[in-house]
Protein backbone atom coordinates (compact mmCIF):
# COMPACT_ATOMS: atom_id res chain seq x y z
CA GLY A 1 -9.16 20.56 -5.26
CA TYR A 2 -7.19 20.24 -8.51
CA LEU A 3 -10.15 19.03 -10.58
CA ALA A 4 -12.51 21.48 -8.88
CA TYR A 5 -10.19 24.33 -9.88
CA TYR A 6 -10.29 23.35 -13.56
CA ALA A 7 -14.06 22.81 -13.50
CA ALA A 8 -14.63 26.20 -11.87
CA ALA A 9 -12.25 27.93 -14.29
CA ALA A 10 -14.03 26.37 -17.28
CA LEU A 11 -17.38 27.56 -15.90
CA ILE A 12 -16.13 31.10 -15.25
CA GLN A 13 -14.50 31.32 -18.68
CA GLY A 14 -17.71 30.16 -20.36
CA LYS A 15 -16.11 27.01 -21.78
CA ILE A 16 -18.79 24.87 -20.12
CA SER A 17 -22.18 25.63 -18.61
CA GLY A 18 -22.54 22.50 -16.50
CA LYS A 19 -24.75 20.61 -18.93
CA GLN A 20 -24.32 16.85 -19.23
CA GLY A 21 -21.96 15.82 -22.02
CA GLU A 22 -19.80 18.95 -22.04
CA SER A 23 -16.05 18.43 -21.61
CA PHE A 24 -13.08 20.52 -20.55
CA SER A 25 -9.34 20.22 -20.11
CA ALA A 26 -8.27 19.49 -16.53
CA GLY A 27 -4.50 19.88 -16.80
CA THR A 28 -2.56 16.69 -16.06
CA LEU A 29 -5.85 14.86 -15.41
CA GLY A 30 -6.70 15.12 -19.11
CA THR A 31 -10.15 15.85 -20.49
CA LYS A 32 -13.08 15.46 -18.11
CA SER A 33 -16.78 15.35 -18.93
CA VAL A 34 -19.78 16.74 -17.13
CA GLY A 35 -22.17 14.00 -16.09
CA ALA A 36 -25.77 13.94 -14.94
CA ASN A 37 -26.81 16.82 -12.68
CA GLY A 38 -23.60 18.73 -13.47
CA VAL A 39 -21.37 16.23 -11.67
CA VAL A 40 -17.72 15.82 -12.71
CA LEU A 41 -16.03 12.71 -11.35
CA LEU A 42 -12.29 12.32 -10.89
CA GLY A 43 -12.55 8.53 -11.22
CA SER A 44 -13.98 5.48 -9.58
CA PRO A 45 -13.98 5.56 -5.79
CA THR A 46 -11.39 3.50 -3.94
CA THR A 47 -12.89 0.70 -1.88
CA PHE A 48 -11.14 -0.20 1.35
CA ASP A 49 -11.72 -3.61 2.89
CA LYS A 50 -9.85 -6.12 5.04
CA GLY A 51 -8.27 -7.65 1.93
CA ASN A 52 -6.59 -4.47 0.69
CA ILE A 53 -6.34 -2.03 3.60
CA ASP A 54 -2.68 -2.98 4.24
CA GLN A 55 -1.79 -1.72 0.73
CA PHE A 56 -2.48 1.88 1.76
CA ASN A 57 -0.28 4.13 3.88
CA PHE A 58 -2.32 6.78 5.70
């Protein structure tokens, strides 16, 4: 939600077009870059497994 808002705002304002390599400010998340196929990633995905699942409170 938060990152999507900043990405959409940058697109609407013409600051980015969605091409790979473009970057934009995403508030407290810092500067984010557009990757292949117009994808913007927040960060690496979190992997849950039996060794770390107890570290998370759902």
